[in-house]
Structure formats: C-alpha cells, structure tokens
Amino acid sequence: MHHMNKIHPNGYLQRLESLIEERLKPGADKEKIDARIWDIFGANWSILFTDLAGFSRYVAEFGIIHFLQNILESQKIFEPCIDAHDGVLFKVEGDSMLILFKRPRKAVECAISMQYAAKEYNKDKADEEKILLCAGIGYGKVLTIGSRDVFGQEVNAASKLGEDVARAWEILVTDSVAEEIGDMPCIKLEKIDKVPPGAKAAYKLIYEI
C-alpha cells in the first residue's frame, strides 16, 4: 500500500513540465517530444461548457450574493443530469462549468437534460431567480493534465460557443460533434455564422424544450 503514495495529481504536472523543459533545449526533437506528450496526456473527449445568461444584468440589479445563490442552485439541479449521463465535472469557474464525456451523444443528451431541468426549476420562480442556461459542445483530442486542467482546440471552441455565442436555452456544437450526432432522433442541426477558432463550422441544436 505504501506505493500508492507515489501516485498523486502533481505527478502529471511534473511529467509535463519535464517534457516541456526537454522540448526547450537547443536541438530538441520537438516532433518526437510532442508525440510523447500526446501519448501520455492525449485522449478523445467531448467537452460541454455551460454558462448562465444574464450575469452582468443580475449582478447590477440584485447584487453578487443573489447571483451566487443562482450559481449554487444551478449546480444542485444540474449535477444529477451530469451523473446520469456519465459526465465528469472537471472544472467550475464562476457561473461556468466544464464537463467531460467520452461520447458526444452523451454530452448532447446531458445538455438537453440540463435545459429540461432548468425549465422545470423555473416554473414557479420570479424572473430574477430563473436559471437560464447556455451551452457549447466540442469533441476531439485534448490534453488532460490529471484533474488540474484540460487543453485543446475543441475545449476553446466549446468555451467560446457556450460563453460568448450561445443565448439562453441554446445548445451550440462544433462540426466534429455534428458529425457524431447527425442520426440522433428528435434533434436537428442548424448551421450558424459564428464559427469559433479551432472549429471548421458550428451548429445550433434544434430540440423541443
């Protein structure tokens, strides 16, 4: 059992740092080192990035404590959706969540489930207490550094779609997600003009809410 002490999250970061330092040396074979980094840390994941609409307005009108209440309430109603669809809540920053899934379909199903949960929660709530979810989804090879961070073009694209492009109730996906979910029942894909860096195209998910 004493060997377990050698396995800890910092080991991932230390390994990455050592490879980056090796990459910086004069004459380093960067292509070979990059391949090693991807081999150790790279994997295909679907990334769901969520955001709550109306942050600035609610903070200005009702104060930051009221909005913190909305954040905590949203996490309570969304966590069961994440668990039910085999998602991993990787990171929470303010009113945003970054959730990982092995399959894009699970990410899409989870996002729709979260929108349904928000709609049910909002039924008897005043406008200022309603939870309005925006979501962006990407899929592709990313670098995961233990439980500390995740990097990749599809991460950036999902973040951009969820935080900056999507409006309340919208679920936006990259082209790599669209290719994987085209035959899912009860949904349609509508191409949008705003394409985030790292994606070739982006789509709005048409679903019943």
N, C-alpha and C. Protein backbone atom coordinates (compact mmCIF):
# COMPACT_ATOMS: atom_id res chain seq x y z
N MET A 1 0.81 -1.20 0.00
CA MET A 1 0.00 0.00 0.00
C MET A 1 0.86 1.26 0.00
N HIS A 2 2.11 1.17 0.50
CA HIS A 2 2.93 2.37 0.55
C HIS A 2 3.25 2.91 -0.83
N HIS A 3 3.13 2.07 -1.88
CA HIS A 3 3.40 2.52 -3.24
C HIS A 3 2.36 3.52 -3.72
N MET A 4 1.16 3.49 -3.13
CA MET A 4 0.11 4.41 -3.53
C MET A 4 0.51 5.85 -3.29
N ASN A 5 1.40 6.09 -2.35
CA ASN A 5 1.82 7.46 -2.07
C ASN A 5 2.56 8.09 -3.25
N LYS A 6 3.04 7.28 -4.17
CA LYS A 6 3.77 7.80 -5.31
C LYS A 6 2.83 8.27 -6.42
N ILE A 7 1.55 7.93 -6.31
CA ILE A 7 0.59 8.31 -7.34
C ILE A 7 -0.22 9.50 -6.83
N HIS A 8 0.01 10.65 -7.40
CA HIS A 8 -0.71 11.84 -6.98
C HIS A 8 -0.84 12.80 -8.16
N PRO A 9 -1.84 13.70 -8.15
CA PRO A 9 -2.09 14.58 -9.28
C PRO A 9 -0.88 15.40 -9.71
N ASN A 10 -0.04 15.82 -8.76
CA ASN A 10 1.11 16.64 -9.12
C ASN A 10 2.07 15.90 -10.04
N GLY A 11 2.03 14.56 -10.01
CA GLY A 11 2.90 13.78 -10.87
C GLY A 11 2.64 14.05 -12.34
N TYR A 12 1.38 14.28 -12.70
CA TYR A 12 1.05 14.60 -14.08
C TYR A 12 1.72 15.90 -14.50
N LEU A 13 1.58 16.92 -13.63
CA LEU A 13 2.14 18.23 -13.96
C LEU A 13 3.66 18.18 -14.02
N GLN A 14 4.27 17.46 -13.09
CA GLN A 14 5.73 17.34 -13.09
C GLN A 14 6.23 16.64 -14.35
N ARG A 15 5.49 15.63 -14.80
CA ARG A 15 5.87 14.92 -16.02
C ARG A 15 5.78 15.84 -17.23
N LEU A 16 4.72 16.61 -17.30
CA LEU A 16 4.56 17.54 -18.41
C LEU A 16 5.65 18.60 -18.39
N GLU A 17 5.93 19.13 -17.22
CA GLU A 17 6.96 20.17 -17.11
C GLU A 17 8.32 19.65 -17.55
N SER A 18 8.63 18.41 -17.20
CA SER A 18 9.92 17.85 -17.58
C SER A 18 10.03 17.70 -19.10
N LEU A 19 8.93 17.32 -19.74
CA LEU A 19 8.93 17.18 -21.19
C LEU A 19 9.00 18.53 -21.88
N ILE A 20 8.33 19.52 -21.32
CA ILE A 20 8.40 20.88 -21.88
C ILE A 20 9.81 21.43 -21.77
N GLU A 21 10.45 21.19 -20.62
CA GLU A 21 11.84 21.64 -20.44
C GLU A 21 12.77 20.96 -21.44
N GLU A 22 12.52 19.67 -21.68
CA GLU A 22 13.31 18.94 -22.67
C GLU A 22 13.08 19.52 -24.07
N ARG A 23 11.85 19.93 -24.33
CA ARG A 23 11.48 20.50 -25.63
C ARG A 23 12.18 21.83 -25.88
N LEU A 24 12.48 22.56 -24.81
CA LEU A 24 13.10 23.88 -24.91
C LEU A 24 14.61 23.84 -25.15
N LYS A 25 15.19 22.68 -24.97
CA LYS A 25 16.64 22.57 -25.12
C LYS A 25 17.04 22.74 -26.59
N PRO A 26 18.19 23.37 -26.84
CA PRO A 26 18.67 23.54 -28.22
C PRO A 26 18.80 22.18 -28.92
N GLY A 27 18.31 22.10 -30.13
CA GLY A 27 18.41 20.88 -30.91
C GLY A 27 17.42 19.80 -30.55
N ALA A 28 16.47 20.12 -29.68
CA ALA A 28 15.49 19.12 -29.24
C ALA A 28 14.63 18.66 -30.41
N ASP A 29 14.31 17.39 -30.43
CA ASP A 29 13.42 16.84 -31.45
C ASP A 29 11.99 17.11 -30.98
N LYS A 30 11.46 18.29 -31.32
CA LYS A 30 10.16 18.72 -30.82
C LYS A 30 9.03 17.81 -31.30
N GLU A 31 9.12 17.33 -32.51
CA GLU A 31 8.07 16.46 -33.04
C GLU A 31 7.99 15.17 -32.21
N LYS A 32 9.13 14.62 -31.87
CA LYS A 32 9.16 13.40 -31.07
C LYS A 32 8.63 13.64 -29.66
N ILE A 33 9.05 14.77 -29.08
CA ILE A 33 8.60 15.10 -27.73
C ILE A 33 7.10 15.37 -27.71
N ASP A 34 6.62 16.09 -28.74
CA ASP A 34 5.18 16.35 -28.82
C ASP A 34 4.39 15.05 -28.90
N ALA A 35 4.92 14.09 -29.66
CA ALA A 35 4.25 12.80 -29.78
C ALA A 35 4.19 12.10 -28.43
N ARG A 36 5.25 12.22 -27.64
CA ARG A 36 5.27 11.62 -26.31
C ARG A 36 4.24 12.30 -25.40
N ILE A 37 4.13 13.62 -25.49
CA ILE A 37 3.16 14.35 -24.67
C ILE A 37 1.74 13.92 -25.02
N TRP A 38 1.46 13.83 -26.32
CA TRP A 38 0.11 13.41 -26.72
C TRP A 38 -0.16 11.96 -26.31
N ASP A 39 0.89 11.13 -26.35
CA ASP A 39 0.72 9.73 -25.98
C ASP A 39 0.39 9.60 -24.50
N ILE A 40 0.99 10.43 -23.67
CA ILE A 40 0.78 10.37 -22.22
C ILE A 40 -0.53 11.05 -21.82
N PHE A 41 -0.76 12.24 -22.35
CA PHE A 41 -1.85 13.07 -21.85
C PHE A 41 -3.04 13.19 -22.81
N GLY A 42 -2.86 12.77 -24.06
CA GLY A 42 -3.91 12.98 -25.05
C GLY A 42 -4.99 11.91 -25.04
N ALA A 43 -6.21 12.33 -25.28
CA ALA A 43 -7.35 11.40 -25.38
C ALA A 43 -8.51 12.13 -26.02
N ASN A 44 -9.40 11.37 -26.64
CA ASN A 44 -10.60 11.97 -27.22
C ASN A 44 -11.67 12.16 -26.15
N TRP A 45 -12.13 13.38 -26.03
CA TRP A 45 -13.19 13.70 -25.08
C TRP A 45 -14.19 14.63 -25.75
N SER A 46 -15.41 14.56 -25.30
CA SER A 46 -16.40 15.56 -25.67
C SER A 46 -16.50 16.55 -24.51
N ILE A 47 -16.46 17.83 -24.85
CA ILE A 47 -16.41 18.89 -23.84
C ILE A 47 -17.70 19.68 -23.86
N LEU A 48 -18.38 19.71 -22.74
CA LEU A 48 -19.58 20.52 -22.58
C LEU A 48 -19.23 21.71 -21.70
N PHE A 49 -19.38 22.90 -22.25
CA PHE A 49 -19.10 24.12 -21.49
C PHE A 49 -20.41 24.86 -21.30
N THR A 50 -20.78 25.12 -20.04
CA THR A 50 -22.05 25.79 -19.77
C THR A 50 -21.82 27.16 -19.14
N ASP A 51 -22.80 28.01 -19.32
CA ASP A 51 -22.74 29.37 -18.78
C ASP A 51 -24.16 29.79 -18.44
N LEU A 52 -24.31 30.68 -17.49
CA LEU A 52 -25.63 31.20 -17.14
C LEU A 52 -25.82 32.56 -17.77
N ALA A 53 -26.94 32.74 -18.45
CA ALA A 53 -27.21 34.01 -19.11
C ALA A 53 -27.58 35.09 -18.10
N GLY A 54 -27.22 36.32 -18.41
CA GLY A 54 -27.65 37.47 -17.61
C GLY A 54 -26.79 37.82 -16.42
N PHE A 55 -25.52 37.39 -16.41
CA PHE A 55 -24.65 37.65 -15.26
C PHE A 55 -24.57 39.13 -14.94
N SER A 56 -24.18 39.95 -15.92
CA SER A 56 -23.97 41.38 -15.66
C SER A 56 -25.24 42.07 -15.20
N ARG A 57 -26.36 41.72 -15.86
CA ARG A 57 -27.63 42.37 -15.51
C ARG A 57 -28.06 42.01 -14.09
N TYR A 58 -27.98 40.73 -13.74
CA TYR A 58 -28.41 40.31 -12.42
C TYR A 58 -27.52 40.87 -11.32
N VAL A 59 -26.22 40.91 -11.56
CA VAL A 59 -25.31 41.46 -10.55
C VAL A 59 -25.60 42.93 -10.33
N ALA A 60 -25.82 43.67 -11.44
CA ALA A 60 -26.08 45.11 -11.34
C ALA A 60 -27.39 45.40 -10.61
N GLU A 61 -28.42 44.57 -10.86
CA GLU A 61 -29.74 44.83 -10.30
C GLU A 61 -29.93 44.25 -8.91
N PHE A 62 -29.35 43.06 -8.67
CA PHE A 62 -29.67 42.36 -7.42
C PHE A 62 -28.46 42.06 -6.54
N GLY A 63 -27.26 42.35 -7.01
CA GLY A 63 -26.07 42.13 -6.20
C GLY A 63 -25.44 40.77 -6.43
N ILE A 64 -24.18 40.67 -6.07
CA ILE A 64 -23.42 39.45 -6.33
C ILE A 64 -23.89 38.28 -5.49
N ILE A 65 -24.40 38.53 -4.28
CA ILE A 65 -24.85 37.44 -3.43
C ILE A 65 -26.06 36.74 -4.05
N HIS A 66 -26.95 37.52 -4.62
CA HIS A 66 -28.12 36.92 -5.30
C HIS A 66 -27.65 36.02 -6.44
N PHE A 67 -26.66 36.47 -7.18
CA PHE A 67 -26.20 35.67 -8.30
C PHE A 67 -25.46 34.42 -7.82
N LEU A 68 -24.71 34.55 -6.72
CA LEU A 68 -24.06 33.36 -6.15
C LEU A 68 -25.10 32.31 -5.76
N GLN A 69 -26.24 32.79 -5.26
CA GLN A 69 -27.33 31.87 -4.94
C GLN A 69 -27.77 31.12 -6.19
N ASN A 70 -27.90 31.83 -7.31
CA ASN A 70 -28.31 31.19 -8.56
C ASN A 70 -27.29 30.16 -9.03
N ILE A 71 -26.00 30.48 -8.85
CA ILE A 71 -24.95 29.54 -9.24
C ILE A 71 -25.06 28.25 -8.44
N LEU A 72 -25.21 28.38 -7.12
CA LEU A 72 -25.30 27.19 -6.27
C LEU A 72 -26.56 26.37 -6.58
N GLU A 73 -27.67 27.06 -6.84
CA GLU A 73 -28.90 26.36 -7.18
C GLU A 73 -28.75 25.63 -8.52
N SER A 74 -28.08 26.26 -9.47
CA SER A 74 -27.91 25.63 -10.78
C SER A 74 -27.06 24.36 -10.65
N GLN A 75 -26.04 24.41 -9.82
CA GLN A 75 -25.20 23.22 -9.64
C GLN A 75 -25.99 22.07 -9.03
N LYS A 76 -26.89 22.40 -8.11
CA LYS A 76 -27.72 21.37 -7.48
C LYS A 76 -28.62 20.67 -8.49
N ILE A 77 -29.21 21.44 -9.40
CA ILE A 77 -30.16 20.82 -10.33
C ILE A 77 -29.44 20.17 -11.52
N PHE A 78 -28.21 20.61 -11.82
CA PHE A 78 -27.51 20.08 -12.99
C PHE A 78 -26.65 18.85 -12.67
N GLU A 79 -26.16 18.73 -11.45
CA GLU A 79 -25.29 17.60 -11.12
C GLU A 79 -25.95 16.24 -11.34
N PRO A 80 -27.22 16.06 -11.01
CA PRO A 80 -27.85 14.76 -11.31
C PRO A 80 -27.89 14.46 -12.81
N CYS A 81 -28.04 15.49 -13.63
CA CYS A 81 -28.03 15.30 -15.09
C CYS A 81 -26.65 14.83 -15.54
N ILE A 82 -25.61 15.44 -14.98
CA ILE A 82 -24.24 15.07 -15.33
C ILE A 82 -23.97 13.62 -14.94
N ASP A 83 -24.35 13.25 -13.74
CA ASP A 83 -24.14 11.88 -13.26
C ASP A 83 -24.91 10.87 -14.12
N ALA A 84 -26.13 11.20 -14.46
CA ALA A 84 -26.98 10.27 -15.21
C ALA A 84 -26.44 10.01 -16.62
N HIS A 85 -25.64 10.93 -17.14
CA HIS A 85 -25.11 10.78 -18.50
C HIS A 85 -23.60 10.52 -18.51
N ASP A 86 -23.09 10.07 -17.37
CA ASP A 86 -21.69 9.65 -17.26
C ASP A 86 -20.70 10.76 -17.56
N GLY A 87 -21.05 11.97 -17.16
CA GLY A 87 -20.14 13.10 -17.34
C GLY A 87 -19.22 13.25 -16.14
N VAL A 88 -18.10 13.92 -16.38
CA VAL A 88 -17.15 14.24 -15.31
C VAL A 88 -17.08 15.76 -15.19
N LEU A 89 -17.55 16.29 -14.05
CA LEU A 89 -17.47 17.73 -13.82
C LEU A 89 -16.01 18.07 -13.54
N PHE A 90 -15.35 18.59 -14.54
CA PHE A 90 -13.91 18.79 -14.48
C PHE A 90 -13.52 20.10 -13.82
N LYS A 91 -14.31 21.13 -14.08
CA LYS A 91 -13.92 22.45 -13.56
C LYS A 91 -15.16 23.33 -13.43
N VAL A 92 -15.17 24.16 -12.37
CA VAL A 92 -16.21 25.17 -12.17
C VAL A 92 -15.52 26.50 -11.98
N GLU A 93 -15.88 27.47 -12.81
CA GLU A 93 -15.34 28.82 -12.70
C GLU A 93 -16.49 29.81 -12.75
N GLY A 94 -16.79 30.43 -11.59
CA GLY A 94 -17.91 31.36 -11.53
C GLY A 94 -19.20 30.65 -11.88
N ASP A 95 -19.89 31.16 -12.92
CA ASP A 95 -21.17 30.56 -13.33
C ASP A 95 -21.00 29.56 -14.47
N SER A 96 -19.76 29.18 -14.76
CA SER A 96 -19.49 28.26 -15.87
C SER A 96 -19.02 26.91 -15.36
N MET A 97 -19.41 25.86 -16.10
CA MET A 97 -18.96 24.51 -15.80
C MET A 97 -18.33 23.89 -17.03
N LEU A 98 -17.25 23.15 -16.85
CA LEU A 98 -16.61 22.40 -17.92
C LEU A 98 -16.76 20.92 -17.57
N ILE A 99 -17.47 20.20 -18.44
CA ILE A 99 -17.82 18.81 -18.18
C ILE A 99 -17.31 17.94 -19.31
N LEU A 100 -16.70 16.81 -18.97
CA LEU A 100 -16.14 15.91 -19.97
C LEU A 100 -16.99 14.65 -20.11
N PHE A 101 -17.10 14.19 -21.36
CA PHE A 101 -17.82 12.95 -21.69
C PHE A 101 -16.98 12.17 -22.68
N LYS A 102 -17.05 10.85 -22.62
CA LYS A 102 -16.32 10.04 -23.59
C LYS A 102 -17.00 10.06 -24.96
N ARG A 103 -18.31 10.28 -24.99
CA ARG A 103 -19.04 10.25 -26.25
C ARG A 103 -19.84 11.55 -26.45
N PRO A 104 -19.80 12.12 -27.66
CA PRO A 104 -20.54 13.34 -27.94
C PRO A 104 -22.04 13.20 -27.70
N ARG A 105 -22.60 12.02 -27.99
CA ARG A 105 -24.03 11.83 -27.78
C ARG A 105 -24.41 12.01 -26.32
N LYS A 106 -23.57 11.52 -25.44
CA LYS A 106 -23.83 11.68 -24.01
C LYS A 106 -23.81 13.16 -23.62
N ALA A 107 -22.86 13.91 -24.21
CA ALA A 107 -22.76 15.34 -23.91
C ALA A 107 -24.01 16.08 -24.38
N VAL A 108 -24.49 15.73 -25.57
CA VAL A 108 -25.69 16.35 -26.11
C VAL A 108 -26.91 15.99 -25.27
N GLU A 109 -27.05 14.71 -24.96
CA GLU A 109 -28.18 14.27 -24.13
C GLU A 109 -28.16 14.95 -22.77
N CYS A 110 -26.97 15.12 -22.21
CA CYS A 110 -26.84 15.78 -20.91
C CYS A 110 -27.25 17.25 -21.01
N ALA A 111 -26.78 17.92 -22.05
CA ALA A 111 -27.12 19.34 -22.22
C ALA A 111 -28.63 19.54 -22.35
N ILE A 112 -29.28 18.67 -23.12
CA ILE A 112 -30.73 18.76 -23.25
C ILE A 112 -31.42 18.48 -21.91
N SER A 113 -30.92 17.48 -21.19
CA SER A 113 -31.46 17.16 -19.87
C SER A 113 -31.32 18.34 -18.91
N MET A 114 -30.20 19.03 -18.98
CA MET A 114 -29.97 20.20 -18.13
C MET A 114 -30.95 21.32 -18.47
N GLN A 115 -31.25 21.49 -19.76
CA GLN A 115 -32.22 22.51 -20.15
C GLN A 115 -33.61 22.16 -19.64
N TYR A 116 -33.97 20.88 -19.70
CA TYR A 116 -35.25 20.45 -19.16
C TYR A 116 -35.31 20.70 -17.64
N ALA A 117 -34.20 20.40 -16.96
CA ALA A 117 -34.15 20.60 -15.51
C ALA A 117 -34.31 22.08 -15.17
N ALA A 118 -33.69 22.94 -15.96
CA ALA A 118 -33.81 24.38 -15.73
C ALA A 118 -35.25 24.84 -15.97
N LYS A 119 -35.87 24.33 -17.04
CA LYS A 119 -37.25 24.71 -17.33
C LYS A 119 -38.18 24.31 -16.19
N GLU A 120 -37.99 23.10 -15.65
CA GLU A 120 -38.82 22.64 -14.53
C GLU A 120 -38.58 23.49 -13.29
N TYR A 121 -37.31 23.81 -13.02
CA TYR A 121 -36.96 24.63 -11.85
C TYR A 121 -37.59 26.02 -11.95
N ASN A 122 -37.64 26.57 -13.16
CA ASN A 122 -38.09 27.95 -13.36
C ASN A 122 -39.60 28.14 -13.26
N LYS A 123 -40.35 27.07 -13.23
CA LYS A 123 -41.81 27.17 -13.32
C LYS A 123 -42.43 28.13 -12.31
N ASP A 124 -42.00 28.06 -11.07
CA ASP A 124 -42.62 28.89 -10.03
C ASP A 124 -41.67 29.97 -9.51
N LYS A 125 -40.68 30.32 -10.33
CA LYS A 125 -39.67 31.30 -9.89
C LYS A 125 -39.91 32.66 -10.52
N ALA A 126 -39.55 33.71 -9.77
CA ALA A 126 -39.57 35.06 -10.32
C ALA A 126 -38.48 35.16 -11.39
N ASP A 127 -38.62 36.12 -12.29
CA ASP A 127 -37.68 36.24 -13.41
C ASP A 127 -36.23 36.32 -12.94
N GLU A 128 -35.99 37.06 -11.86
CA GLU A 128 -34.61 37.25 -11.41
C GLU A 128 -34.03 35.98 -10.77
N GLU A 129 -34.87 35.00 -10.46
CA GLU A 129 -34.39 33.77 -9.85
C GLU A 129 -34.32 32.61 -10.85
N LYS A 130 -34.74 32.85 -12.07
CA LYS A 130 -34.73 31.78 -13.07
C LYS A 130 -33.30 31.48 -13.53
N ILE A 131 -33.07 30.22 -13.80
CA ILE A 131 -31.77 29.75 -14.29
C ILE A 131 -31.88 29.59 -15.80
N LEU A 132 -31.07 30.37 -16.52
CA LEU A 132 -31.09 30.37 -17.98
C LEU A 132 -29.74 29.88 -18.47
N LEU A 133 -29.75 28.69 -19.06
CA LEU A 133 -28.51 28.01 -19.41
C LEU A 133 -28.13 28.21 -20.88
N CYS A 134 -26.84 28.47 -21.11
CA CYS A 134 -26.24 28.49 -22.44
C CYS A 134 -25.22 27.34 -22.47
N ALA A 135 -25.10 26.67 -23.63
CA ALA A 135 -24.20 25.52 -23.68
C ALA A 135 -23.46 25.46 -25.01
N GLY A 136 -22.18 25.07 -24.94
CA GLY A 136 -21.37 24.82 -26.12
C GLY A 136 -20.70 23.46 -25.98
N ILE A 137 -20.64 22.71 -27.08
CA ILE A 137 -20.08 21.35 -27.03
C ILE A 137 -19.06 21.16 -28.15
N GLY A 138 -17.90 20.61 -27.79
CA GLY A 138 -16.87 20.26 -28.75
C GLY A 138 -16.48 18.81 -28.58
N TYR A 139 -15.73 18.28 -29.55
CA TYR A 139 -15.28 16.89 -29.45
C TYR A 139 -13.99 16.71 -30.24
N GLY A 140 -13.02 16.08 -29.58
CA GLY A 140 -11.76 15.81 -30.26
C GLY A 140 -10.66 15.46 -29.27
N LYS A 141 -9.45 15.37 -29.77
CA LYS A 141 -8.32 15.01 -28.94
C LYS A 141 -7.87 16.21 -28.12
N VAL A 142 -7.77 16.01 -26.82
CA VAL A 142 -7.37 17.08 -25.91
C VAL A 142 -6.30 16.55 -24.96
N LEU A 143 -5.61 17.47 -24.32
CA LEU A 143 -4.62 17.11 -23.30
C LEU A 143 -5.26 17.31 -21.93
N THR A 144 -5.32 16.24 -21.14
CA THR A 144 -5.82 16.35 -19.78
C THR A 144 -4.65 16.15 -18.82
N ILE A 145 -4.42 17.14 -17.98
CA ILE A 145 -3.32 17.09 -17.02
C ILE A 145 -3.89 16.68 -15.67
N GLY A 146 -4.03 15.37 -15.48
CA GLY A 146 -4.64 14.87 -14.25
C GLY A 146 -6.02 15.48 -14.08
N SER A 147 -6.30 15.97 -12.89
CA SER A 147 -7.56 16.66 -12.63
C SER A 147 -7.36 18.16 -12.55
N ARG A 148 -6.21 18.63 -13.05
CA ARG A 148 -5.87 20.05 -12.91
C ARG A 148 -6.40 20.90 -14.06
N ASP A 149 -6.23 20.44 -15.30
CA ASP A 149 -6.63 21.27 -16.43
C ASP A 149 -6.77 20.43 -17.68
N VAL A 150 -7.41 21.01 -18.68
CA VAL A 150 -7.61 20.34 -19.96
C VAL A 150 -7.38 21.38 -21.05
N PHE A 151 -6.67 20.97 -22.12
CA PHE A 151 -6.32 21.90 -23.18
C PHE A 151 -6.64 21.29 -24.54
N GLY A 152 -6.95 22.15 -25.50
CA GLY A 152 -7.19 21.68 -26.86
C GLY A 152 -8.08 22.63 -27.63
N GLN A 153 -8.04 22.52 -28.94
CA GLN A 153 -8.84 23.39 -29.79
C GLN A 153 -10.33 23.23 -29.52
N GLU A 154 -10.78 21.99 -29.31
CA GLU A 154 -12.20 21.77 -29.08
C GLU A 154 -12.64 22.30 -27.71
N VAL A 155 -11.71 22.34 -26.76
CA VAL A 155 -12.01 22.95 -25.47
C VAL A 155 -12.27 24.44 -25.66
N ASN A 156 -11.37 25.08 -26.42
CA ASN A 156 -11.51 26.52 -26.67
C ASN A 156 -12.79 26.81 -27.45
N ALA A 157 -13.09 25.96 -28.44
CA ALA A 157 -14.28 26.18 -29.25
C ALA A 157 -15.55 26.02 -28.42
N ALA A 158 -15.61 24.99 -27.58
CA ALA A 158 -16.78 24.78 -26.73
C ALA A 158 -16.97 25.94 -25.76
N SER A 159 -15.86 26.43 -25.22
CA SER A 159 -15.90 27.56 -24.30
C SER A 159 -16.44 28.80 -24.99
N LYS A 160 -15.93 29.06 -26.19
CA LYS A 160 -16.38 30.24 -26.95
C LYS A 160 -17.86 30.15 -27.27
N LEU A 161 -18.30 28.98 -27.73
CA LEU A 161 -19.71 28.80 -28.08
C LEU A 161 -20.61 28.95 -26.86
N GLY A 162 -20.23 28.32 -25.75
CA GLY A 162 -21.07 28.33 -24.56
C GLY A 162 -21.11 29.67 -23.85
N GLU A 163 -19.98 30.34 -23.82
CA GLU A 163 -19.87 31.57 -23.03
C GLU A 163 -20.18 32.83 -23.83
N ASP A 164 -19.76 32.88 -25.09
CA ASP A 164 -19.85 34.13 -25.84
C ASP A 164 -20.92 34.13 -26.94
N VAL A 165 -21.22 32.96 -27.49
CA VAL A 165 -22.12 32.92 -28.64
C VAL A 165 -23.53 32.48 -28.27
N ALA A 166 -23.65 31.43 -27.50
CA ALA A 166 -24.98 30.89 -27.17
C ALA A 166 -25.78 31.86 -26.32
N ARG A 167 -27.09 31.88 -26.59
CA ARG A 167 -28.01 32.63 -25.76
C ARG A 167 -28.78 31.65 -24.86
N ALA A 168 -29.61 32.20 -23.98
CA ALA A 168 -30.37 31.34 -23.06
C ALA A 168 -31.13 30.27 -23.84
N TRP A 169 -31.06 29.03 -23.35
CA TRP A 169 -31.74 27.85 -23.88
C TRP A 169 -31.05 27.26 -25.12
N GLU A 170 -30.01 27.90 -25.61
CA GLU A 170 -29.34 27.40 -26.81
C GLU A 170 -28.25 26.39 -26.48
N ILE A 171 -28.12 25.39 -27.33
CA ILE A 171 -27.03 24.41 -27.28
C ILE A 171 -26.32 24.48 -28.63
N LEU A 172 -25.08 24.91 -28.63
CA LEU A 172 -24.31 25.05 -29.86
C LEU A 172 -23.20 24.00 -29.89
N VAL A 173 -22.93 23.45 -31.08
CA VAL A 173 -21.94 22.38 -31.19
C VAL A 173 -20.99 22.66 -32.35
N THR A 174 -19.79 22.11 -32.26
CA THR A 174 -18.82 22.23 -33.34
C THR A 174 -19.12 21.19 -34.42
N ASP A 175 -18.45 21.33 -35.57
CA ASP A 175 -18.65 20.40 -36.67
C ASP A 175 -18.27 18.96 -36.29
N SER A 176 -17.26 18.82 -35.43
CA SER A 176 -16.84 17.46 -35.03
C SER A 176 -17.92 16.78 -34.21
N VAL A 177 -18.68 17.54 -33.44
CA VAL A 177 -19.81 16.98 -32.71
C VAL A 177 -20.95 16.65 -33.68
N ALA A 178 -21.21 17.58 -34.59
CA ALA A 178 -22.30 17.39 -35.56
C ALA A 178 -22.12 16.10 -36.35
N GLU A 179 -20.87 15.77 -36.69
CA GLU A 179 -20.60 14.56 -37.45
C GLU A 179 -20.96 13.29 -36.67
N GLU A 180 -20.92 13.38 -35.33
CA GLU A 180 -21.16 12.21 -34.49
C GLU A 180 -22.62 12.04 -34.09
N ILE A 181 -23.42 13.09 -34.22
CA ILE A 181 -24.80 13.04 -33.68
C ILE A 181 -25.85 13.23 -34.76
N GLY A 182 -25.45 13.22 -36.03
CA GLY A 182 -26.38 13.52 -37.11
C GLY A 182 -27.60 12.63 -37.18
N ASP A 183 -27.48 11.39 -36.70
CA ASP A 183 -28.62 10.47 -36.77
C ASP A 183 -29.36 10.32 -35.44
N MET A 184 -29.08 11.21 -34.49
CA MET A 184 -29.82 11.16 -33.23
C MET A 184 -31.27 11.56 -33.46
N PRO A 185 -32.22 10.82 -32.87
CA PRO A 185 -33.64 11.15 -33.07
C PRO A 185 -34.04 12.42 -32.33
N CYS A 186 -35.06 13.08 -32.85
CA CYS A 186 -35.69 14.23 -32.17
C CYS A 186 -34.82 15.48 -32.10
N ILE A 187 -33.75 15.54 -32.88
CA ILE A 187 -32.96 16.77 -32.93
C ILE A 187 -32.65 17.10 -34.38
N LYS A 188 -32.37 18.38 -34.61
CA LYS A 188 -31.91 18.84 -35.91
C LYS A 188 -30.74 19.79 -35.68
N LEU A 189 -29.97 20.00 -36.73
CA LEU A 189 -28.82 20.89 -36.65
C LEU A 189 -29.00 22.04 -37.63
N GLU A 190 -28.80 23.23 -37.13
CA GLU A 190 -28.92 24.44 -37.95
C GLU A 190 -27.58 25.18 -37.95
N LYS A 191 -26.99 25.31 -39.11
CA LYS A 191 -25.67 25.94 -39.20
C LYS A 191 -25.76 27.41 -38.80
N ILE A 192 -24.75 27.88 -38.06
CA ILE A 192 -24.70 29.29 -37.65
C ILE A 192 -23.49 29.96 -38.26
N ASP A 193 -23.53 31.29 -38.30
CA ASP A 193 -22.46 32.05 -38.95
C ASP A 193 -21.20 32.18 -38.10
N LYS A 194 -21.39 32.23 -36.79
CA LYS A 194 -20.24 32.45 -35.90
C LYS A 194 -19.51 31.13 -35.64
N VAL A 195 -18.32 31.03 -36.21
CA VAL A 195 -17.52 29.81 -36.06
C VAL A 195 -16.34 30.11 -35.14
N PRO A 196 -16.21 29.44 -34.02
CA PRO A 196 -15.12 29.73 -33.08
C PRO A 196 -13.79 29.23 -33.62
N PRO A 197 -12.68 29.87 -33.24
CA PRO A 197 -11.35 29.37 -33.62
C PRO A 197 -11.18 27.92 -33.17
N GLY A 198 -10.62 27.10 -34.06
CA GLY A 198 -10.43 25.70 -33.73
C GLY A 198 -11.48 24.79 -34.31
N ALA A 199 -12.57 25.37 -34.84
CA ALA A 199 -13.64 24.59 -35.46
C ALA A 199 -13.78 25.00 -36.92
N LYS A 200 -14.26 24.08 -37.75
CA LYS A 200 -14.49 24.38 -39.17
C LYS A 200 -15.89 24.95 -39.39
N ALA A 201 -16.81 24.60 -38.51
CA ALA A 201 -18.18 25.06 -38.60
C ALA A 201 -18.83 24.91 -37.23
N ALA A 202 -19.99 25.53 -37.06
CA ALA A 202 -20.73 25.43 -35.80
C ALA A 202 -22.22 25.36 -36.10
N TYR A 203 -22.94 24.71 -35.20
CA TYR A 203 -24.36 24.47 -35.42
C TYR A 203 -25.16 24.72 -34.14
N LYS A 204 -26.41 25.12 -34.34
CA LYS A 204 -27.35 25.21 -33.22
C LYS A 204 -28.20 23.95 -33.21
N LEU A 205 -28.31 23.39 -32.03
CA LEU A 205 -29.11 22.17 -31.85
C LEU A 205 -30.58 22.57 -31.75
N ILE A 206 -31.40 22.01 -32.63
CA ILE A 206 -32.84 22.26 -32.57
C ILE A 206 -33.49 21.09 -31.84
N TYR A 207 -34.09 21.36 -30.71
CA TYR A 207 -34.70 20.31 -29.88
C TYR A 207 -35.94 20.90 -29.20
N GLU A 208 -36.80 20.05 -28.72
CA GLU A 208 -38.01 20.50 -28.04
C GLU A 208 -37.72 20.82 -26.60
N ILE A 209 -38.23 21.94 -26.12
CA ILE A 209 -37.99 22.33 -24.73
C ILE A 209 -39.31 22.80 -24.13
